[in-house]
């Protein structure tokens, strides 16, 4: 939103001038306000769809909705949301480490809690800074697990990597950081209400 500076008040009587009043608004004021409004709505929309990505991943893995997780193999059915992914890691410096983590209870709980917390925070428009930190760490681990720099897997077969550095995990991480920096929780979210809470006022990192 454009902010217009007002001229200082002068003591004494001044004759009103219609010409001055008619030209007081800067020429680009309306356009600036419009661009600012469009930007806030665009970031709010980006926040919501990104939040839905995390929430849907949680719901599908938890209840086996038949998309990435087959029906009957959800977390509530005794399935592991991390065993298949981490157990299938076939490249990178942490391959053996991820294999040892695959299916561990603490890894499953940490992963699912992260998906749920980041998704709820983004959809609600609160705690975007902690969500950006947690989400970026998750995306970093998943990037290392897939290891895009590798041209070949550990068994010698082609990795089918299309880019040695940037993949969708990094894109998600950048989106999370940007949403936190611009304070995207104000529009279509509870960001303003959240920021007024005494706890959040004392701890700005919770915004």
C-alpha atoms as a PDB file:
ATOM      1  CA  UNK A   1       0.000   0.000   0.000  1.00  0.00           C
ATOM      2  CA  UNK A   2       1.367   3.392  -0.978  1.00  0.00           C
ATOM      3  CA  UNK A   3       2.131   5.765   1.876  1.00  0.00           C
ATOM      4  CA  UNK A   4       1.771   9.456   1.082  1.00  0.00           C
ATOM      5  CA  UNK A   5       3.599  12.091   3.070  1.00  0.00           C
ATOM      6  CA  UNK A   6       1.559  15.109   4.099  1.00  0.00           C
ATOM      7  CA  UNK A   7       2.947  18.628   4.127  1.00  0.00           C
ATOM      8  CA  UNK A   8       3.559  20.134   7.601  1.00  0.00           C
ATOM      9  CA  UNK A   9       0.714  22.061   9.180  1.00  0.00           C
ATOM     10  CA  UNK A  10       1.087  25.865   9.150  1.00  0.00           C
ATOM     11  CA  UNK A  11      -0.230  28.078  11.900  1.00  0.00           C
ATOM     12  CA  UNK A  12      -2.724  30.673  10.729  1.00  0.00           C
ATOM     13  CA  UNK A  13      -5.474  30.986   8.153  1.00  0.00           C
ATOM     14  CA  UNK A  14      -4.932  29.591   4.679  1.00  0.00           C
ATOM     15  CA  UNK A  15      -7.318  30.064   1.811  1.00  0.00           C
ATOM     16  CA  UNK A  16      -8.383  26.688   0.415  1.00  0.00           C
ATOM     17  CA  UNK A  17      -7.247  26.041  -3.116  1.00  0.00           C
ATOM     18  CA  UNK A  18      -9.288  23.720  -5.307  1.00  0.00           C
ATOM     19  CA  UNK A  19      -6.422  23.303  -7.716  1.00  0.00           C
ATOM     20  CA  UNK A  20      -4.026  22.164  -5.005  1.00  0.00           C
ATOM     21  CA  UNK A  21      -6.564  19.725  -3.579  1.00  0.00           C
ATOM     22  CA  UNK A  22      -7.204  18.252  -6.973  1.00  0.00           C
ATOM     23  CA  UNK A  23      -3.528  17.531  -7.617  1.00  0.00           C
ATOM     24  CA  UNK A  24      -2.449  16.499  -4.125  1.00  0.00           C
ATOM     25  CA  UNK A  25      -2.600  12.761  -4.899  1.00  0.00           C
ATOM     26  CA  UNK A  26       0.506  11.451  -6.666  1.00  0.00           C
ATOM     27  CA  UNK A  27      -0.061  10.266 -10.205  1.00  0.00           C
ATOM     28  CA  UNK A  28       0.826   6.656  -9.506  1.00  0.00           C
ATOM     29  CA  UNK A  29      -0.981   6.337  -6.176  1.00  0.00           C
ATOM     30  CA  UNK A  30      -3.905   4.246  -7.387  1.00  0.00           C
ATOM     31  CA  UNK A  31      -1.648   1.926  -9.308  1.00  0.00           C
ATOM     32  CA  UNK A  32       0.646   1.473  -6.289  1.00  0.00           C
ATOM     33  CA  UNK A  33      -2.273   0.582  -4.034  1.00  0.00           C
ATOM     34  CA  UNK A  34      -3.608  -1.841  -6.619  1.00  0.00           C
ATOM     35  CA  UNK A  35      -0.244  -3.579  -7.057  1.00  0.00           C
ATOM     36  CA  UNK A  36       0.172  -3.864  -3.289  1.00  0.00           C
ATOM     37  CA  UNK A  37      -3.284  -5.387  -2.887  1.00  0.00           C
ATOM     38  CA  UNK A  38      -2.715  -7.853  -5.725  1.00  0.00           C
ATOM     39  CA  UNK A  39       0.617  -8.847  -4.199  1.00  0.00           C
ATOM     40  CA  UNK A  40      -0.896  -9.530  -0.777  1.00  0.00           C
ATOM     41  CA  UNK A  41      -3.621 -11.698  -2.309  1.00  0.00           C
ATOM     42  CA  UNK A  42      -1.069 -13.522  -4.456  1.00  0.00           C
ATOM     43  CA  UNK A  43       1.089 -14.352  -1.429  1.00  0.00           C
ATOM     44  CA  UNK A  44      -2.007 -15.395   0.530  1.00  0.00           C
ATOM     45  CA  UNK A  45      -3.037 -17.736  -2.269  1.00  0.00           C
ATOM     46  CA  UNK A  46       0.484 -19.153  -2.469  1.00  0.00           C
ATOM     47  CA  UNK A  47       0.417 -19.692   1.294  1.00  0.00           C
ATOM     48  CA  UNK A  48      -2.864 -21.570   1.182  1.00  0.00           C
ATOM     49  CA  UNK A  49      -1.968 -23.910  -1.678  1.00  0.00           C
ATOM     50  CA  UNK A  50       1.436 -24.644  -0.150  1.00  0.00           C
ATOM     51  CA  UNK A  51      -0.220 -25.362   3.182  1.00  0.00           C
ATOM     52  CA  UNK A  52      -2.606 -27.742   1.460  1.00  0.00           C
ATOM     53  CA  UNK A  53       0.348 -29.630  -0.037  1.00  0.00           C
ATOM     54  CA  UNK A  54       1.697 -30.325   3.453  1.00  0.00           C
ATOM     55  CA  UNK A  55      -1.728 -31.056   4.962  1.00  0.00           C
ATOM     56  CA  UNK A  56      -2.689 -33.423   2.164  1.00  0.00           C
ATOM     57  CA  UNK A  57       0.596 -35.294   2.484  1.00  0.00           C
ATOM     58  CA  UNK A  58      -0.133 -35.749   6.193  1.00  0.00           C
ATOM     59  CA  UNK A  59      -3.726 -36.889   5.650  1.00  0.00           C
ATOM     60  CA  UNK A  60      -2.862 -39.302   2.843  1.00  0.00           C
ATOM     61  CA  UNK A  61      -0.011 -40.900   4.772  1.00  0.00           C
ATOM     62  CA  UNK A  62      -1.995 -41.009   8.014  1.00  0.00           C
ATOM     63  CA  UNK A  63      -5.230 -42.494   6.661  1.00  0.00           C
ATOM     64  CA  UNK A  64      -4.194 -44.193   3.421  1.00  0.00           C
ATOM     65  CA  UNK A  65      -6.451 -42.204   1.117  1.00  0.00           C
ATOM     66  CA  UNK A  66      -5.378 -44.171  -1.941  1.00  0.00           C
ATOM     67  CA  UNK A  67      -3.118 -41.619  -3.597  1.00  0.00           C
ATOM     68  CA  UNK A  68       0.553 -41.784  -2.610  1.00  0.00           C
ATOM     69  CA  UNK A  69      -0.420 -44.139   0.212  1.00  0.00           C
ATOM     70  CA  UNK A  70      -2.563 -47.176  -0.725  1.00  0.00           C
ATOM     71  CA  UNK A  71      -5.771 -47.781   1.178  1.00  0.00           C
ATOM     72  CA  UNK A  72      -5.218 -49.921   4.250  1.00  0.00           C
ATOM     73  CA  UNK A  73      -1.543 -48.992   4.512  1.00  0.00           C
ATOM     74  CA  UNK A  74      -1.895 -45.674   6.280  1.00  0.00           C
ATOM     75  CA  UNK A  75      -0.188 -44.742   9.505  1.00  0.00           C
ATOM     76  CA  UNK A  76      -3.306 -45.578  11.529  1.00  0.00           C
ATOM     77  CA  UNK A  77      -3.299 -49.054   9.939  1.00  0.00           C
ATOM     78  CA  UNK A  78       0.201 -49.763  11.182  1.00  0.00           C
ATOM     79  CA  UNK A  79       2.055 -48.600   8.093  1.00  0.00           C
ATOM     80  CA  UNK A  80       5.160 -46.447   8.226  1.00  0.00           C
ATOM     81  CA  UNK A  81       5.113 -43.075   6.442  1.00  0.00           C
ATOM     82  CA  UNK A  82       8.908 -43.056   6.121  1.00  0.00           C
ATOM     83  CA  UNK A  83       9.919 -46.676   5.530  1.00  0.00           C
ATOM     84  CA  UNK A  84       9.225 -46.747   1.810  1.00  0.00           C
ATOM     85  CA  UNK A  85      10.870 -43.416   1.012  1.00  0.00           C
ATOM     86  CA  UNK A  86      13.925 -43.687   3.246  1.00  0.00           C
ATOM     87  CA  UNK A  87      14.334 -47.382   2.554  1.00  0.00           C
ATOM     88  CA  UNK A  88      14.422 -46.644  -1.157  1.00  0.00           C
ATOM     89  CA  UNK A  89      17.218 -44.072  -0.993  1.00  0.00           C
ATOM     90  CA  UNK A  90      19.808 -45.216  -3.523  1.00  0.00           C
ATOM     91  CA  UNK A  91      22.285 -42.354  -3.779  1.00  0.00           C
ATOM     92  CA  UNK A  92      24.000 -39.654  -1.770  1.00  0.00           C
ATOM     93  CA  UNK A  93      26.275 -39.381   1.250  1.00  0.00           C
ATOM     94  CA  UNK A  94      23.533 -40.331   3.763  1.00  0.00           C
ATOM     95  CA  UNK A  95      22.207 -43.431   1.987  1.00  0.00           C
ATOM     96  CA  UNK A  96      23.122 -45.872   4.748  1.00  0.00           C
ATOM     97  CA  UNK A  97      21.960 -43.476   7.456  1.00  0.00           C
ATOM     98  CA  UNK A  98      18.538 -43.073   5.865  1.00  0.00           C
ATOM     99  CA  UNK A  99      18.250 -46.852   5.509  1.00  0.00           C
ATOM    100  CA  UNK A 100      18.880 -47.251   9.233  1.00  0.00           C
ATOM    101  CA  UNK A 101      16.247 -44.579  10.015  1.00  0.00           C
ATOM    102  CA  UNK A 102      13.580 -45.999   7.712  1.00  0.00           C
ATOM    103  CA  UNK A 103      10.486 -47.003   9.647  1.00  0.00           C
ATOM    104  CA  UNK A 104      11.813 -45.992  13.073  1.00  0.00           C
ATOM    105  CA  UNK A 105       9.047 -44.754  15.355  1.00  0.00           C
ATOM    106  CA  UNK A 106      10.778 -41.497  16.220  1.00  0.00           C
ATOM    107  CA  UNK A 107      11.347 -40.703  12.551  1.00  0.00           C
ATOM    108  CA  UNK A 108       7.705 -41.437  11.679  1.00  0.00           C
ATOM    109  CA  UNK A 109       6.402 -39.228  14.485  1.00  0.00           C
ATOM    110  CA  UNK A 110       8.802 -36.387  13.731  1.00  0.00           C
ATOM    111  CA  UNK A 111       8.016 -36.466  10.026  1.00  0.00           C
ATOM    112  CA  UNK A 112       4.236 -36.589  10.472  1.00  0.00           C
ATOM    113  CA  UNK A 113       4.276 -33.916  13.179  1.00  0.00           C
ATOM    114  CA  UNK A 114       6.271 -31.689  10.845  1.00  0.00           C
ATOM    115  CA  UNK A 115       3.854 -32.159   7.959  1.00  0.00           C
ATOM    116  CA  UNK A 116       0.854 -31.416  10.164  1.00  0.00           C
ATOM    117  CA  UNK A 117       2.386 -28.429  11.970  1.00  0.00           C
ATOM    118  CA  UNK A 118       3.660 -26.750   8.799  1.00  0.00           C
ATOM    119  CA  UNK A 119       0.391 -27.374   6.981  1.00  0.00           C
ATOM    120  CA  UNK A 120      -1.796 -25.987   9.771  1.00  0.00           C
ATOM    121  CA  UNK A 121       0.470 -22.964  10.284  1.00  0.00           C
ATOM    122  CA  UNK A 122       0.389 -22.060   6.595  1.00  0.00           C
ATOM    123  CA  UNK A 123      -3.359 -22.496   6.190  1.00  0.00           C
ATOM    124  CA  UNK A 124      -4.077 -20.509   9.360  1.00  0.00           C
ATOM    125  CA  UNK A 125      -1.461 -17.858   8.594  1.00  0.00           C
ATOM    126  CA  UNK A 126       0.265 -18.091  11.973  1.00  0.00           C
ATOM    127  CA  UNK A 127       3.751 -19.082  13.129  1.00  0.00           C
ATOM    128  CA  UNK A 128       5.088 -18.686   9.608  1.00  0.00           C
ATOM    129  CA  UNK A 129       8.662 -18.207  10.815  1.00  0.00           C
ATOM    130  CA  UNK A 130       8.844 -21.467  12.814  1.00  0.00           C
ATOM    131  CA  UNK A 131       6.993 -23.189   9.968  1.00  0.00           C
ATOM    132  CA  UNK A 132       9.538 -21.901   7.468  1.00  0.00           C
ATOM    133  CA  UNK A 133      12.402 -23.197   9.623  1.00  0.00           C
ATOM    134  CA  UNK A 134      10.836 -26.621  10.186  1.00  0.00           C
ATOM    135  CA  UNK A 135       9.686 -26.974   6.591  1.00  0.00           C
ATOM    136  CA  UNK A 136      13.067 -25.953   5.207  1.00  0.00           C
ATOM    137  CA  UNK A 137      14.816 -28.571   7.373  1.00  0.00           C
ATOM    138  CA  UNK A 138      12.380 -31.230   6.151  1.00  0.00           C
ATOM    139  CA  UNK A 139      12.914 -30.254   2.532  1.00  0.00           C
ATOM    140  CA  UNK A 140      16.693 -30.230   3.019  1.00  0.00           C
ATOM    141  CA  UNK A 141      16.677 -33.811   4.347  1.00  0.00           C
ATOM    142  CA  UNK A 142      14.418 -34.946   1.511  1.00  0.00           C
ATOM    143  CA  UNK A 143      16.690 -33.223  -1.023  1.00  0.00           C
ATOM    144  CA  UNK A 144      19.686 -35.092   0.391  1.00  0.00           C
ATOM    145  CA  UNK A 145      17.689 -38.335   0.300  1.00  0.00           C
ATOM    146  CA  UNK A 146      16.982 -37.961  -3.407  1.00  0.00           C
ATOM    147  CA  UNK A 147      20.426 -36.438  -4.081  1.00  0.00           C
ATOM    148  CA  UNK A 148      19.855 -34.706  -7.447  1.00  0.00           C
ATOM    149  CA  UNK A 149      23.622 -34.240  -8.144  1.00  0.00           C
ATOM    150  CA  UNK A 150      24.002 -37.991  -8.707  1.00  0.00           C
ATOM    151  CA  UNK A 151      23.930 -39.110 -12.331  1.00  0.00           C
ATOM    152  CA  UNK A 152      23.882 -42.770 -11.290  1.00  0.00           C
ATOM    153  CA  UNK A 153      22.437 -44.654  -8.345  1.00  0.00           C
ATOM    154  CA  UNK A 154      24.535 -46.830  -6.076  1.00  0.00           C
ATOM    155  CA  UNK A 155      23.778 -49.881  -8.254  1.00  0.00           C
ATOM    156  CA  UNK A 156      25.078 -48.085 -11.345  1.00  0.00           C
ATOM    157  CA  UNK A 157      21.709 -47.448 -12.998  1.00  0.00           C
ATOM    158  CA  UNK A 158      20.837 -43.943 -14.244  1.00  0.00           C
ATOM    159  CA  UNK A 159      19.395 -41.717 -11.533  1.00  0.00           C
ATOM    160  CA  UNK A 160      17.114 -39.919 -14.023  1.00  0.00           C
ATOM    161  CA  UNK A 161      17.902 -36.653 -12.258  1.00  0.00           C
ATOM    162  CA  UNK A 162      16.887 -33.708 -14.427  1.00  0.00           C
ATOM    163  CA  UNK A 163      18.782 -31.014 -12.505  1.00  0.00           C
ATOM    164  CA  UNK A 164      21.917 -31.377 -10.374  1.00  0.00           C
ATOM    165  CA  UNK A 165      20.814 -28.811  -7.814  1.00  0.00           C
ATOM    166  CA  UNK A 166      17.304 -27.372  -7.980  1.00  0.00           C
ATOM    167  CA  UNK A 167      14.342 -29.669  -7.486  1.00  0.00           C
ATOM    168  CA  UNK A 168      10.872 -29.216  -6.014  1.00  0.00           C
ATOM    169  CA  UNK A 169      12.164 -29.602  -2.454  1.00  0.00           C
ATOM    170  CA  UNK A 170      14.295 -26.488  -2.809  1.00  0.00           C
ATOM    171  CA  UNK A 171      11.409 -24.645  -4.457  1.00  0.00           C
ATOM    172  CA  UNK A 172       9.160 -25.443  -1.483  1.00  0.00           C
ATOM    173  CA  UNK A 173      11.873 -24.297   0.928  1.00  0.00           C
ATOM    174  CA  UNK A 174      12.253 -20.958  -0.858  1.00  0.00           C
ATOM    175  CA  UNK A 175       8.470 -20.487  -0.902  1.00  0.00           C
ATOM    176  CA  UNK A 176       8.275 -21.101   2.854  1.00  0.00           C
ATOM    177  CA  UNK A 177      11.020 -18.574   3.540  1.00  0.00           C
ATOM    178  CA  UNK A 178       9.450 -15.935   1.304  1.00  0.00           C
ATOM    179  CA  UNK A 179       6.022 -16.364   2.908  1.00  0.00           C
ATOM    180  CA  UNK A 180       7.560 -15.862   6.349  1.00  0.00           C
ATOM    181  CA  UNK A 181       9.577 -12.815   5.263  1.00  0.00           C
ATOM    182  CA  UNK A 182       6.625 -10.983   3.701  1.00  0.00           C
ATOM    183  CA  UNK A 183       4.249 -11.862   6.545  1.00  0.00           C
ATOM    184  CA  UNK A 184       1.766 -13.584   4.264  1.00  0.00           C
ATOM    185  CA  UNK A 185      -0.519 -14.590   7.121  1.00  0.00           C
ATOM    186  CA  UNK A 186      -2.289 -11.229   7.338  1.00  0.00           C
ATOM    187  CA  UNK A 187      -4.436 -11.631   4.217  1.00  0.00           C
ATOM    188  CA  UNK A 188      -6.905 -14.535   4.333  1.00  0.00           C
ATOM    189  CA  UNK A 189      -5.336 -15.660   7.580  1.00  0.00           C
ATOM    190  CA  UNK A 190      -5.096 -15.090  11.323  1.00  0.00           C
ATOM    191  CA  UNK A 191      -1.762 -13.282  11.145  1.00  0.00           C
ATOM    192  CA  UNK A 192      -3.021 -10.007  12.650  1.00  0.00           C
ATOM    193  CA  UNK A 193      -4.809 -11.707  15.537  1.00  0.00           C
ATOM    194  CA  UNK A 194      -1.803 -13.929  16.188  1.00  0.00           C
ATOM    195  CA  UNK A 195       0.621 -10.976  16.207  1.00  0.00           C
ATOM    196  CA  UNK A 196      -1.432  -9.189  18.901  1.00  0.00           C
ATOM    197  CA  UNK A 197      -1.052 -12.009  21.426  1.00  0.00           C
ATOM    198  CA  UNK A 198       1.219 -11.037  24.372  1.00  0.00           C
ATOM    199  CA  UNK A 199       3.355 -14.153  23.926  1.00  0.00           C
ATOM    200  CA  UNK A 200       3.981 -13.343  20.274  1.00  0.00           C
ATOM    201  CA  UNK A 201       4.723  -9.688  21.078  1.00  0.00           C
ATOM    202  CA  UNK A 202       7.395 -10.809  23.512  1.00  0.00           C
ATOM    203  CA  UNK A 203       8.753 -13.397  21.075  1.00  0.00           C
ATOM    204  CA  UNK A 204       8.653 -12.022  17.492  1.00  0.00           C
ATOM    205  CA  UNK A 205      10.192 -15.237  16.169  1.00  0.00           C
ATOM    206  CA  UNK A 206       6.799 -16.884  16.709  1.00  0.00           C
ATOM    207  CA  UNK A 207       5.149 -14.746  14.017  1.00  0.00           C
END
